[in-house]
């Protein structure tokens, strides 16, 4: 996935938001396909979900080698809409869109395009 996360001395984690340019280049369907590829990269292959263990194991793929357990738990909790302690593909995609300031500005409150491609 095309997003850069790096540590900032003052604020902790910074997120360079490449998602709006990805949608411009790939279109909504291509962008959703890339999010789904990212989900599959991070998920537990047996459970089909992003779990605490799978995210911890794959955090190096995000450039987050030194993430603490409570930070990983907070990431999961932020997107866990059904309360099962893990992220399914829909929850992951919704979380990624919500975390993108550029997409939230461009889309306003409308995420119909996201629902159209994931449902």
PDB file of N, CA and C in Angstrom:
ATOM      1  N   UNK A   1       0.846  -1.162   0.000  1.00  0.00           N
ATOM      2  CA  UNK A   1       0.000   0.000   0.000  1.00  0.00           C
ATOM      3  C   UNK A   1       0.892   1.225   0.000  1.00  0.00           C
ATOM      4  N   UNK A   2       0.457   2.253  -0.629  1.00  0.00           N
ATOM      5  CA  UNK A   2       1.273   3.454  -0.751  1.00  0.00           C
ATOM      6  C   UNK A   2       0.929   4.445   0.351  1.00  0.00           C
ATOM      7  N   UNK A   3       1.503   4.246   1.474  1.00  0.00           N
ATOM      8  CA  UNK A   3       1.369   5.193   2.571  1.00  0.00           C
ATOM      9  C   UNK A   3       2.667   5.152   3.345  1.00  0.00           C
ATOM     10  N   UNK A   4       3.154   6.278   3.732  1.00  0.00           N
ATOM     11  CA  UNK A   4       4.395   6.330   4.478  1.00  0.00           C
ATOM     12  C   UNK A   4       4.092   6.705   5.917  1.00  0.00           C
ATOM     13  N   UNK A   5       4.582   5.907   6.815  1.00  0.00           N
ATOM     14  CA  UNK A   5       4.426   6.191   8.228  1.00  0.00           C
ATOM     15  C   UNK A   5       5.828   6.310   8.792  1.00  0.00           C
ATOM     16  N   UNK A   6       6.085   7.386   9.502  1.00  0.00           N
ATOM     17  CA  UNK A   6       7.403   7.559  10.082  1.00  0.00           C
ATOM     18  C   UNK A   6       7.282   8.238  11.432  1.00  0.00           C
ATOM     19  N   UNK A   7       8.334   8.127  12.222  1.00  0.00           N
ATOM     20  CA  UNK A   7       8.309   8.690  13.560  1.00  0.00           C
ATOM     21  C   UNK A   7       8.760  10.140  13.506  1.00  0.00           C
ATOM     22  N   UNK A   8       8.009  10.988  14.176  1.00  0.00           N
ATOM     23  CA  UNK A   8       8.302  12.409  14.276  1.00  0.00           C
ATOM     24  C   UNK A   8       8.699  12.686  15.716  1.00  0.00           C
ATOM     25  N   UNK A   9       9.780  13.435  15.928  1.00  0.00           N
ATOM     26  CA  UNK A   9      10.277  13.705  17.274  1.00  0.00           C
ATOM     27  C   UNK A   9       9.258  14.397  18.158  1.00  0.00           C
ATOM     28  N   UNK A  10       8.361  15.179  17.596  1.00  0.00           N
ATOM     29  CA  UNK A  10       7.447  15.978  18.399  1.00  0.00           C
ATOM     30  C   UNK A  10       6.074  15.348  18.578  1.00  0.00           C
ATOM     31  N   UNK A  11       5.560  14.702  17.573  1.00  0.00           N
ATOM     32  CA  UNK A  11       4.162  14.274  17.602  1.00  0.00           C
ATOM     33  C   UNK A  11       3.963  12.770  17.598  1.00  0.00           C
ATOM     34  N   UNK A  12       4.991  11.979  17.523  1.00  0.00           N
ATOM     35  CA  UNK A  12       4.808  10.539  17.453  1.00  0.00           C
ATOM     36  C   UNK A  12       4.773  10.079  16.012  1.00  0.00           C
ATOM     37  N   UNK A  13       3.662   9.479  15.600  1.00  0.00           N
ATOM     38  CA  UNK A  13       3.553   8.951  14.248  1.00  0.00           C
ATOM     39  C   UNK A  13       2.949   9.979  13.307  1.00  0.00           C
ATOM     40  N   UNK A  14       3.536  10.103  12.150  1.00  0.00           N
ATOM     41  CA  UNK A  14       2.981  10.933  11.079  1.00  0.00           C
ATOM     42  C   UNK A  14       2.576  10.015   9.942  1.00  0.00           C
ATOM     43  N   UNK A  15       1.597  10.440   9.199  1.00  0.00           N
ATOM     44  CA  UNK A  15       1.075   9.638   8.105  1.00  0.00           C
ATOM     45  C   UNK A  15       1.034  10.514   6.867  1.00  0.00           C
ATOM     46  N   UNK A  16       1.842  10.175   5.864  1.00  0.00           N
ATOM     47  CA  UNK A  16       1.780  10.885   4.594  1.00  0.00           C
ATOM     48  C   UNK A  16       0.633  10.281   3.795  1.00  0.00           C
ATOM     49  N   UNK A  17      -0.359  11.088   3.509  1.00  0.00           N
ATOM     50  CA  UNK A  17      -1.606  10.618   2.909  1.00  0.00           C
ATOM     51  C   UNK A  17      -1.496  10.601   1.386  1.00  0.00           C
ATOM     52  N   UNK A  18      -1.241   9.412   0.848  1.00  0.00           N
ATOM     53  CA  UNK A  18      -1.164   9.236  -0.604  1.00  0.00           C
ATOM     54  C   UNK A  18      -2.470   8.722  -1.197  1.00  0.00           C
ATOM     55  N   UNK A  19      -3.453   8.460  -0.356  1.00  0.00           N
ATOM     56  CA  UNK A  19      -4.681   7.846  -0.839  1.00  0.00           C
ATOM     57  C   UNK A  19      -5.430   8.678  -1.876  1.00  0.00           C
ATOM     58  N   UNK A  20      -5.576   9.996  -1.712  1.00  0.00           N
ATOM     59  CA  UNK A  20      -6.278  10.759  -2.755  1.00  0.00           C
ATOM     60  C   UNK A  20      -5.607  10.650  -4.124  1.00  0.00           C
ATOM     61  N   UNK A  21      -4.289  10.676  -4.152  1.00  0.00           N
ATOM     62  CA  UNK A  21      -3.600  10.552  -5.442  1.00  0.00           C
ATOM     63  C   UNK A  21      -3.721   9.135  -5.995  1.00  0.00           C
ATOM     64  N   UNK A  22      -3.826   8.152  -5.115  1.00  0.00           N
ATOM     65  CA  UNK A  22      -4.035   6.780  -5.585  1.00  0.00           C
ATOM     66  C   UNK A  22      -5.398   6.638  -6.250  1.00  0.00           C
ATOM     67  N   UNK A  23      -6.427   7.240  -5.648  1.00  0.00           N
ATOM     68  CA  UNK A  23      -7.759   7.176  -6.254  1.00  0.00           C
ATOM     69  C   UNK A  23      -7.753   7.895  -7.597  1.00  0.00           C
ATOM     70  N   UNK A  24      -7.070   9.036  -7.660  1.00  0.00           N
ATOM     71  CA  UNK A  24      -7.003   9.777  -8.927  1.00  0.00           C
ATOM     72  C   UNK A  24      -6.331   8.933 -10.007  1.00  0.00           C
ATOM     73  N   UNK A  25      -5.320   8.180  -9.629  1.00  0.00           N
ATOM     74  CA  UNK A  25      -4.577   7.375 -10.587  1.00  0.00           C
ATOM     75  C   UNK A  25      -5.258   6.038 -10.888  1.00  0.00           C
ATOM     76  N   UNK A  26      -5.771   5.370  -9.857  1.00  0.00           N
ATOM     77  CA  UNK A  26      -6.307   4.017 -10.012  1.00  0.00           C
ATOM     78  C   UNK A  26      -7.816   3.963 -10.200  1.00  0.00           C
ATOM     79  N   UNK A  27      -8.500   5.044  -9.830  1.00  0.00           N
ATOM     80  CA  UNK A  27      -9.958   5.015  -9.782  1.00  0.00           C
ATOM     81  C   UNK A  27     -10.398   4.346  -8.495  1.00  0.00           C
ATOM     82  N   UNK A  28     -11.662   4.488  -8.154  1.00  0.00           N
ATOM     83  CA  UNK A  28     -12.176   3.957  -6.890  1.00  0.00           C
ATOM     84  C   UNK A  28     -12.032   2.441  -6.819  1.00  0.00           C
ATOM     85  N   UNK A  29     -12.351   1.757  -7.899  1.00  0.00           N
ATOM     86  CA  UNK A  29     -12.270   0.294  -7.881  1.00  0.00           C
ATOM     87  C   UNK A  29     -10.832  -0.177  -7.700  1.00  0.00           C
ATOM     88  N   UNK A  30      -9.896   0.419  -8.413  1.00  0.00           N
ATOM     89  CA  UNK A  30      -8.486   0.054  -8.275  1.00  0.00           C
ATOM     90  C   UNK A  30      -7.963   0.345  -6.879  1.00  0.00           C
ATOM     91  N   UNK A  31      -8.401   1.455  -6.295  1.00  0.00           N
ATOM     92  CA  UNK A  31      -7.987   1.818  -4.948  1.00  0.00           C
ATOM     93  C   UNK A  31      -8.486   0.783  -3.940  1.00  0.00           C
ATOM     94  N   UNK A  32      -9.750   0.401  -4.056  1.00  0.00           N
ATOM     95  CA  UNK A  32     -10.311  -0.605  -3.145  1.00  0.00           C
ATOM     96  C   UNK A  32      -9.559  -1.922  -3.307  1.00  0.00           C
ATOM     97  N   UNK A  33      -9.209  -2.280  -4.521  1.00  0.00           N
ATOM     98  CA  UNK A  33      -8.440  -3.512  -4.743  1.00  0.00           C
ATOM     99  C   UNK A  33      -7.096  -3.442  -4.021  1.00  0.00           C
ATOM    100  N   UNK A  34      -6.456  -2.264  -4.034  1.00  0.00           N
ATOM    101  CA  UNK A  34      -5.181  -2.093  -3.329  1.00  0.00           C
ATOM    102  C   UNK A  34      -5.374  -2.186  -1.823  1.00  0.00           C
ATOM    103  N   UNK A  35      -6.451  -1.609  -1.300  1.00  0.00           N
ATOM    104  CA  UNK A  35      -6.734  -1.747   0.130  1.00  0.00           C
ATOM    105  C   UNK A  35      -6.936  -3.219   0.485  1.00  0.00           C
ATOM    106  N   UNK A  36      -7.650  -3.940  -0.348  1.00  0.00           N
ATOM    107  CA  UNK A  36      -7.887  -5.362  -0.103  1.00  0.00           C
ATOM    108  C   UNK A  36      -6.579  -6.156  -0.155  1.00  0.00           C
ATOM    109  N   UNK A  37      -5.676  -5.784  -1.049  1.00  0.00           N
ATOM    110  CA  UNK A  37      -4.351  -6.412  -1.088  1.00  0.00           C
ATOM    111  C   UNK A  37      -3.604  -6.152   0.213  1.00  0.00           C
ATOM    112  N   UNK A  38      -3.700  -4.927   0.726  1.00  0.00           N
ATOM    113  CA  UNK A  38      -3.072  -4.600   2.004  1.00  0.00           C
ATOM    114  C   UNK A  38      -3.672  -5.404   3.139  1.00  0.00           C
ATOM    115  N   UNK A  39      -4.975  -5.584   3.113  1.00  0.00           N
ATOM    116  CA  UNK A  39      -5.642  -6.398   4.125  1.00  0.00           C
ATOM    117  C   UNK A  39      -5.090  -7.815   4.105  1.00  0.00           C
ATOM    118  N   UNK A  40      -5.015  -8.414   2.925  1.00  0.00           N
ATOM    119  CA  UNK A  40      -4.533  -9.788   2.808  1.00  0.00           C
ATOM    120  C   UNK A  40      -3.082  -9.917   3.278  1.00  0.00           C
ATOM    121  N   UNK A  41      -2.302  -8.893   3.074  1.00  0.00           N
ATOM    122  CA  UNK A  41      -0.904  -8.888   3.510  1.00  0.00           C
ATOM    123  C   UNK A  41      -0.805  -8.939   5.040  1.00  0.00           C
ATOM    124  N   UNK A  42      -1.730  -8.286   5.729  1.00  0.00           N
ATOM    125  CA  UNK A  42      -1.671  -8.170   7.185  1.00  0.00           C
ATOM    126  C   UNK A  42      -2.511  -9.204   7.929  1.00  0.00           C
ATOM    127  N   UNK A  43      -3.400  -9.886   7.238  1.00  0.00           N
ATOM    128  CA  UNK A  43      -4.338 -10.777   7.926  1.00  0.00           C
ATOM    129  C   UNK A  43      -3.689 -12.093   8.351  1.00  0.00           C
ATOM    130  N   UNK A  44      -4.337 -12.720   9.290  1.00  0.00           N
ATOM    131  CA  UNK A  44      -4.007 -14.078   9.702  1.00  0.00           C
ATOM    132  C   UNK A  44      -4.609 -14.993   8.641  1.00  0.00           C
ATOM    133  N   UNK A  45      -3.796 -15.754   7.968  1.00  0.00           N
ATOM    134  CA  UNK A  45      -4.260 -16.588   6.866  1.00  0.00           C
ATOM    135  C   UNK A  45      -5.287 -17.626   7.262  1.00  0.00           C
ATOM    136  N   UNK A  46      -5.199 -18.123   8.479  1.00  0.00           N
ATOM    137  CA  UNK A  46      -6.147 -19.146   8.929  1.00  0.00           C
ATOM    138  C   UNK A  46      -7.496 -18.553   9.308  1.00  0.00           C
ATOM    139  N   UNK A  47      -7.486 -17.365   9.900  1.00  0.00           N
ATOM    140  CA  UNK A  47      -8.716 -16.745  10.383  1.00  0.00           C
ATOM    141  C   UNK A  47      -9.353 -15.810   9.364  1.00  0.00           C
ATOM    142  N   UNK A  48      -8.575 -15.327   8.398  1.00  0.00           N
ATOM    143  CA  UNK A  48      -9.112 -14.386   7.420  1.00  0.00           C
ATOM    144  C   UNK A  48      -9.387 -13.018   8.011  1.00  0.00           C
ATOM    145  N   UNK A  49      -8.734 -12.702   9.126  1.00  0.00           N
ATOM    146  CA  UNK A  49      -8.911 -11.436   9.838  1.00  0.00           C
ATOM    147  C   UNK A  49      -7.539 -10.867  10.194  1.00  0.00           C
ATOM    148  N   UNK A  50      -7.484  -9.562  10.401  1.00  0.00           N
ATOM    149  CA  UNK A  50      -6.283  -8.973  10.979  1.00  0.00           C
ATOM    150  C   UNK A  50      -6.459  -9.072  12.484  1.00  0.00           C
ATOM    151  N   UNK A  51      -5.618  -9.876  13.106  1.00  0.00           N
ATOM    152  CA  UNK A  51      -5.671 -10.090  14.543  1.00  0.00           C
ATOM    153  C   UNK A  51      -4.513  -9.351  15.203  1.00  0.00           C
ATOM    154  N   UNK A  52      -4.547  -9.299  16.512  1.00  0.00           N
ATOM    155  CA  UNK A  52      -3.440  -8.698  17.258  1.00  0.00           C
ATOM    156  C   UNK A  52      -2.131  -9.371  16.853  1.00  0.00           C
ATOM    157  N   UNK A  53      -2.139 -10.693  16.825  1.00  0.00           N
ATOM    158  CA  UNK A  53      -0.928 -11.450  16.515  1.00  0.00           C
ATOM    159  C   UNK A  53      -0.447 -11.198  15.091  1.00  0.00           C
ATOM    160  N   UNK A  54      -1.375 -11.184  14.136  1.00  0.00           N
ATOM    161  CA  UNK A  54      -0.951 -10.983  12.741  1.00  0.00           C
ATOM    162  C   UNK A  54      -0.445  -9.564  12.522  1.00  0.00           C
ATOM    163  N   UNK A  55      -1.065  -8.583  13.178  1.00  0.00           N
ATOM    164  CA  UNK A  55      -0.604  -7.202  13.037  1.00  0.00           C
ATOM    165  C   UNK A  55       0.747  -7.020  13.701  1.00  0.00           C
ATOM    166  N   UNK A  56       0.932  -7.630  14.850  1.00  0.00           N
ATOM    167  CA  UNK A  56       2.229  -7.550  15.535  1.00  0.00           C
ATOM    168  C   UNK A  56       3.313  -8.210  14.684  1.00  0.00           C
ATOM    169  N   UNK A  57       3.008  -9.372  14.134  1.00  0.00           N
ATOM    170  CA  UNK A  57       3.960 -10.118  13.316  1.00  0.00           C
ATOM    171  C   UNK A  57       4.329  -9.350  12.046  1.00  0.00           C
ATOM    172  N   UNK A  58       3.365  -8.639  11.473  1.00  0.00           N
ATOM    173  CA  UNK A  58       3.587  -7.954  10.199  1.00  0.00           C
ATOM    174  C   UNK A  58       3.809  -6.458  10.328  1.00  0.00           C
ATOM    175  N   UNK A  59       3.959  -5.952  11.537  1.00  0.00           N
ATOM    176  CA  UNK A  59       4.122  -4.511  11.728  1.00  0.00           C
ATOM    177  C   UNK A  59       5.360  -3.972  11.018  1.00  0.00           C
ATOM    178  N   UNK A  60       6.362  -4.808  10.807  1.00  0.00           N
ATOM    179  CA  UNK A  60       7.557  -4.368  10.078  1.00  0.00           C
ATOM    180  C   UNK A  60       7.218  -3.981   8.644  1.00  0.00           C
ATOM    181  N   UNK A  61       6.169  -4.569   8.075  1.00  0.00           N
ATOM    182  CA  UNK A  61       5.758  -4.212   6.711  1.00  0.00           C
ATOM    183  C   UNK A  61       5.271  -2.776   6.632  1.00  0.00           C
ATOM    184  N   UNK A  62       4.808  -2.257   7.769  1.00  0.00           N
ATOM    185  CA  UNK A  62       4.334  -0.886   7.847  1.00  0.00           C
ATOM    186  C   UNK A  62       5.440   0.072   8.273  1.00  0.00           C
ATOM    187  N   UNK A  63       6.623  -0.467   8.518  1.00  0.00           N
ATOM    188  CA  UNK A  63       7.727   0.356   8.997  1.00  0.00           C
ATOM    189  C   UNK A  63       7.608   0.670  10.475  1.00  0.00           C
ATOM    190  N   UNK A  64       6.887  -0.163  11.206  1.00  0.00           N
ATOM    191  CA  UNK A  64       6.638   0.072  12.631  1.00  0.00           C
ATOM    192  C   UNK A  64       7.289  -1.028  13.466  1.00  0.00           C
ATOM    193  N   UNK A  65       8.592  -1.115  13.387  1.00  0.00           N
ATOM    194  CA  UNK A  65       9.336  -2.184  14.042  1.00  0.00           C
ATOM    195  C   UNK A  65       9.209  -2.159  15.562  1.00  0.00           C
ATOM    196  N   UNK A  66       9.096  -0.982  16.147  1.00  0.00           N
ATOM    197  CA  UNK A  66       9.136  -0.838  17.599  1.00  0.00           C
ATOM    198  C   UNK A  66       7.776  -0.567  18.221  1.00  0.00           C
ATOM    199  N   UNK A  67       6.716  -1.006  17.572  1.00  0.00           N
ATOM    200  CA  UNK A  67       5.371  -0.769  18.134  1.00  0.00           C
ATOM    201  C   UNK A  67       5.186  -1.554  19.416  1.00  0.00           C
ATOM    202  N   UNK A  68       4.620  -0.884  20.380  1.00  0.00           N
ATOM    203  CA  UNK A  68       4.299  -1.522  21.658  1.00  0.00           C
ATOM    204  C   UNK A  68       2.963  -2.252  21.505  1.00  0.00           C
ATOM    205  N   UNK A  69       2.749  -3.237  22.356  1.00  0.00           N
ATOM    206  CA  UNK A  69       1.520  -4.020  22.304  1.00  0.00           C
ATOM    207  C   UNK A  69       0.277  -3.144  22.464  1.00  0.00           C
ATOM    208  N   UNK A  70       0.342  -2.158  23.361  1.00  0.00           N
ATOM    209  CA  UNK A  70      -0.833  -1.309  23.566  1.00  0.00           C
ATOM    210  C   UNK A  70      -1.129  -0.450  22.345  1.00  0.00           C
ATOM    211  N   UNK A  71      -0.108  -0.086  21.571  1.00  0.00           N
ATOM    212  CA  UNK A  71      -0.314   0.675  20.333  1.00  0.00           C
ATOM    213  C   UNK A  71      -0.983  -0.188  19.268  1.00  0.00           C
ATOM    214  N   UNK A  72      -0.572  -1.446  19.200  1.00  0.00           N
ATOM    215  CA  UNK A  72      -1.194  -2.381  18.252  1.00  0.00           C
ATOM    216  C   UNK A  72      -2.655  -2.605  18.647  1.00  0.00           C
ATOM    217  N   UNK A  73      -2.903  -2.787  19.923  1.00  0.00           N
ATOM    218  CA  UNK A  73      -4.267  -2.975  20.408  1.00  0.00           C
ATOM    219  C   UNK A  73      -5.133  -1.757  20.068  1.00  0.00           C
ATOM    220  N   UNK A  74      -4.583  -0.554  20.247  1.00  0.00           N
ATOM    221  CA  UNK A  74      -5.335   0.668  19.931  1.00  0.00           C
ATOM    222  C   UNK A  74      -5.661   0.756  18.446  1.00  0.00           C
ATOM    223  N   UNK A  75      -4.717   0.342  17.597  1.00  0.00           N
ATOM    224  CA  UNK A  75      -4.976   0.348  16.151  1.00  0.00           C
ATOM    225  C   UNK A  75      -6.144  -0.579  15.823  1.00  0.00           C
ATOM    226  N   UNK A  76      -6.144  -1.756  16.408  1.00  0.00           N
ATOM    227  CA  UNK A  76      -7.234  -2.698  16.162  1.00  0.00           C
ATOM    228  C   UNK A  76      -8.559  -2.167  16.707  1.00  0.00           C
ATOM    229  N   UNK A  77      -8.508  -1.623  17.911  1.00  0.00           N
ATOM    230  CA  UNK A  77      -9.730  -1.116  18.540  1.00  0.00           C
ATOM    231  C   UNK A  77     -10.363   0.006  17.740  1.00  0.00           C
ATOM    232  N   UNK A  78      -9.538   0.840  17.128  1.00  0.00           N
ATOM    233  CA  UNK A  78     -10.039   1.973  16.340  1.00  0.00           C
ATOM    234  C   UNK A  78     -10.934   1.524  15.189  1.00  0.00           C
ATOM    235  N   UNK A  79     -10.613   0.392  14.592  1.00  0.00           N
ATOM    236  CA  UNK A  79     -11.381  -0.060  13.432  1.00  0.00           C
ATOM    237  C   UNK A  79     -12.344  -1.197  13.702  1.00  0.00           C
ATOM    238  N   UNK A  80     -12.302  -1.768  14.895  1.00  0.00           N
ATOM    239  CA  UNK A  80     -13.114  -2.944  15.219  1.00  0.00           C
ATOM    240  C   UNK A  80     -14.557  -2.547  15.473  1.00  0.00           C
ATOM    241  N   UNK A  81     -15.369  -2.603  14.444  1.00  0.00           N
ATOM    242  CA  UNK A  81     -16.759  -2.160  14.537  1.00  0.00           C
ATOM    243  C   UNK A  81     -17.686  -3.197  15.165  1.00  0.00           C
ATOM    244  N   UNK A  82     -17.343  -4.472  15.039  1.00  0.00           N
ATOM    245  CA  UNK A  82     -18.234  -5.511  15.566  1.00  0.00           C
ATOM    246  C   UNK A  82     -17.794  -6.047  16.924  1.00  0.00           C
ATOM    247  N   UNK A  83     -16.695  -5.520  17.465  1.00  0.00           N
ATOM    248  CA  UNK A  83     -16.268  -5.870  18.811  1.00  0.00           C
ATOM    249  C   UNK A  83     -15.651  -7.241  18.982  1.00  0.00           C
ATOM    250  N   UNK A  84     -15.206  -7.869  17.884  1.00  0.00           N
ATOM    251  CA  UNK A  84     -14.619  -9.202  18.009  1.00  0.00           C
ATOM    252  C   UNK A  84     -13.113  -9.182  18.261  1.00  0.00           C
ATOM    253  N   UNK A  85     -12.519  -7.986  18.351  1.00  0.00           N
ATOM    254  CA  UNK A  85     -11.098  -7.877  18.638  1.00  0.00           C
ATOM    255  C   UNK A  85     -10.196  -8.018  17.432  1.00  0.00           C
ATOM    256  N   UNK A  86     -10.775  -8.092  16.251  1.00  0.00           N
ATOM    257  CA  UNK A  86     -10.017  -8.246  15.008  1.00  0.00           C
ATOM    258  C   UNK A  86     -10.679  -7.395  13.931  1.00  0.00           C
ATOM    259  N   UNK A  87      -9.984  -7.244  12.810  1.00  0.00           N
ATOM    260  CA  UNK A  87     -10.535  -6.474  11.693  1.00  0.00           C
ATOM    261  C   UNK A  87     -10.837  -7.400  10.526  1.00  0.00           C
ATOM    262  N   UNK A  88     -12.079  -7.339  10.036  1.00  0.00           N
ATOM    263  CA  UNK A  88     -12.381  -8.025   8.791  1.00  0.00           C
ATOM    264  C   UNK A  88     -12.051  -7.059   7.647  1.00  0.00           C
ATOM    265  N   UNK A  89     -12.227  -7.499   6.432  1.00  0.00           N
ATOM    266  CA  UNK A  89     -11.832  -6.675   5.284  1.00  0.00           C
ATOM    267  C   UNK A  89     -12.594  -5.357   5.223  1.00  0.00           C
ATOM    268  N   UNK A  90     -13.885  -5.386   5.489  1.00  0.00           N
ATOM    269  CA  UNK A  90     -14.686  -4.159   5.456  1.00  0.00           C
ATOM    270  C   UNK A  90     -14.213  -3.185   6.529  1.00  0.00           C
ATOM    271  N   UNK A  91     -14.009  -3.674   7.746  1.00  0.00           N
ATOM    272  CA  UNK A  91     -13.557  -2.807   8.831  1.00  0.00           C
ATOM    273  C   UNK A  91     -12.202  -2.184   8.501  1.00  0.00           C
ATOM    274  N   UNK A  92     -11.310  -2.965   7.922  1.00  0.00           N
ATOM    275  CA  UNK A  92      -9.995  -2.454   7.550  1.00  0.00           C
ATOM    276  C   UNK A  92     -10.117  -1.342   6.508  1.00  0.00           C
ATOM    277  N   UNK A  93     -10.906  -1.574   5.477  1.00  0.00           N
ATOM    278  CA  UNK A  93     -11.057  -0.568   4.415  1.00  0.00           C
ATOM    279  C   UNK A  93     -11.710   0.706   4.945  1.00  0.00           C
ATOM    280  N   UNK A  94     -12.733   0.554   5.779  1.00  0.00           N
ATOM    281  CA  UNK A  94     -13.388   1.728   6.371  1.00  0.00           C
ATOM    282  C   UNK A  94     -12.392   2.496   7.230  1.00  0.00           C
ATOM    283  N   UNK A  95     -11.592   1.786   8.017  1.00  0.00           N
ATOM    284  CA  UNK A  95     -10.597   2.438   8.865  1.00  0.00           C
ATOM    285  C   UNK A  95      -9.578   3.200   8.025  1.00  0.00           C
ATOM    286  N   UNK A  96      -9.099   2.607   6.959  1.00  0.00           N
ATOM    287  CA  UNK A  96      -8.110   3.273   6.111  1.00  0.00           C
ATOM    288  C   UNK A  96      -8.682   4.562   5.514  1.00  0.00           C
ATOM    289  N   UNK A  97      -9.937   4.523   5.091  1.00  0.00           N
ATOM    290  CA  UNK A  97     -10.573   5.726   4.537  1.00  0.00           C
ATOM    291  C   UNK A  97     -10.738   6.780   5.633  1.00  0.00           C
ATOM    292  N   UNK A  98     -11.183   6.350   6.808  1.00  0.00           N
ATOM    293  CA  UNK A  98     -11.369   7.297   7.919  1.00  0.00           C
ATOM    294  C   UNK A  98     -10.057   7.953   8.345  1.00  0.00           C
ATOM    295  N   UNK A  99      -8.951   7.235   8.221  1.00  0.00           N
ATOM    296  CA  UNK A  99      -7.652   7.768   8.638  1.00  0.00           C
ATOM    297  C   UNK A  99      -7.004   8.656   7.584  1.00  0.00           C
ATOM    298  N   UNK A 100      -7.624   8.793   6.446  1.00  0.00           N
ATOM    299  CA  UNK A 100      -7.078   9.621   5.368  1.00  0.00           C
ATOM    300  C   UNK A 100      -7.746  10.989   5.373  1.00  0.00           C
ATOM    301  N   UNK A 101      -7.037  12.019   5.858  1.00  0.00           N
ATOM    302  CA  UNK A 101      -7.638  13.360   5.859  1.00  0.00           C
ATOM    303  C   UNK A 101      -8.044  13.809   4.455  1.00  0.00           C
ATOM    304  N   UNK A 102      -7.238  13.480   3.464  1.00  0.00           N
ATOM    305  CA  UNK A 102      -7.536  13.881   2.098  1.00  0.00           C
ATOM    306  C   UNK A 102      -8.801  13.247   1.570  1.00  0.00           C
ATOM    307  N   UNK A 103      -9.008  11.967   1.857  1.00  0.00           N
ATOM    308  CA  UNK A 103     -10.232  11.299   1.398  1.00  0.00           C
ATOM    309  C   UNK A 103     -11.445  11.821   2.130  1.00  0.00           C
ATOM    310  N   UNK A 104     -11.305  12.077   3.414  1.00  0.00           N
ATOM    311  CA  UNK A 104     -12.442  12.582   4.177  1.00  0.00           C
ATOM    312  C   UNK A 104     -12.838  13.980   3.698  1.00  0.00           C
ATOM    313  N   UNK A 105     -11.860  14.798   3.326  1.00  0.00           N
ATOM    314  CA  UNK A 105     -12.170  16.125   2.784  1.00  0.00           C
ATOM    315  C   UNK A 105     -12.814  16.009   1.417  1.00  0.00           C
ATOM    316  N   UNK A 106     -12.254  15.156   0.556  1.00  0.00           N
ATOM    317  CA  UNK A 106     -12.768  14.998  -0.809  1.00  0.00           C
ATOM    318  C   UNK A 106     -14.166  14.399  -0.825  1.00  0.00           C
ATOM    319  N   UNK A 107     -14.413  13.443   0.064  1.00  0.00           N
ATOM    320  CA  UNK A 107     -15.680  12.726   0.062  1.00  0.00           C
ATOM    321  C   UNK A 107     -16.722  13.384   0.945  1.00  0.00           C
ATOM    322  N   UNK A 108     -16.277  14.287   1.805  1.00  0.00           N
ATOM    323  CA  UNK A 108     -17.214  14.806   2.788  1.00  0.00           C
ATOM    324  C   UNK A 108     -17.659  13.661   3.658  1.00  0.00           C
ATOM    325  N   UNK A 109     -18.918  13.553   3.906  1.00  0.00           N
ATOM    326  CA  UNK A 109     -19.409  12.444   4.720  1.00  0.00           C
ATOM    327  C   UNK A 109     -19.855  11.271   3.851  1.00  0.00           C
ATOM    328  N   UNK A 110     -19.761  11.403   2.553  1.00  0.00           N
ATOM    329  CA  UNK A 110     -20.232  10.350   1.666  1.00  0.00           C
ATOM    330  C   UNK A 110     -19.155   9.296   1.433  1.00  0.00           C
ATOM    331  N   UNK A 111     -19.454   8.092   1.813  1.00  0.00           N
ATOM    332  CA  UNK A 111     -18.567   6.966   1.522  1.00  0.00           C
ATOM    333  C   UNK A 111     -19.305   5.943   0.666  1.00  0.00           C
ATOM    334  N   UNK A 112     -20.280   6.414  -0.095  1.00  0.00           N
ATOM    335  CA  UNK A 112     -21.071   5.510  -0.924  1.00  0.00           C
ATOM    336  C   UNK A 112     -20.194   4.742  -1.898  1.00  0.00           C
ATOM    337  N   UNK A 113     -19.181   5.394  -2.460  1.00  0.00           N
ATOM    338  CA  UNK A 113     -18.285   4.709  -3.392  1.00  0.00           C
ATOM    339  C   UNK A 113     -17.594   3.533  -2.716  1.00  0.00           C
ATOM    340  N   UNK A 114     -17.261   3.665  -1.427  1.00  0.00           N
ATOM    341  CA  UNK A 114     -16.642   2.574  -0.685  1.00  0.00           C
ATOM    342  C   UNK A 114     -17.625   1.421  -0.518  1.00  0.00           C
ATOM    343  N   UNK A 115     -18.841   1.751  -0.122  1.00  0.00           N
ATOM    344  CA  UNK A 115     -19.868   0.727   0.055  1.00  0.00           C
ATOM    345  C   UNK A 115     -20.176   0.021  -1.259  1.00  0.00           C
ATOM    346  N   UNK A 116     -20.196   0.772  -2.354  1.00  0.00           N
ATOM    347  CA  UNK A 116     -20.503   0.179  -3.664  1.00  0.00           C
ATOM    348  C   UNK A 116     -19.522  -0.923  -4.046  1.00  0.00           C
ATOM    349  N   UNK A 117     -18.254  -0.744  -3.685  1.00  0.00           N
ATOM    350  CA  UNK A 117     -17.236  -1.712  -4.099  1.00  0.00           C
ATOM    351  C   UNK A 117     -17.009  -2.822  -3.106  1.00  0.00           C
ATOM    352  N   UNK A 118     -17.422  -2.635  -1.854  1.00  0.00           N
ATOM    353  CA  UNK A 118     -17.168  -3.661  -0.846  1.00  0.00           C
ATOM    354  C   UNK A 118     -18.370  -4.531  -0.546  1.00  0.00           C
ATOM    355  N   UNK A 119     -19.530  -4.086  -0.939  1.00  0.00           N
ATOM    356  CA  UNK A 119     -20.745  -4.873  -0.612  1.00  0.00           C
ATOM    357  C   UNK A 119     -21.154  -5.698  -1.819  1.00  0.00           C
TER     358      UNK A 119
END
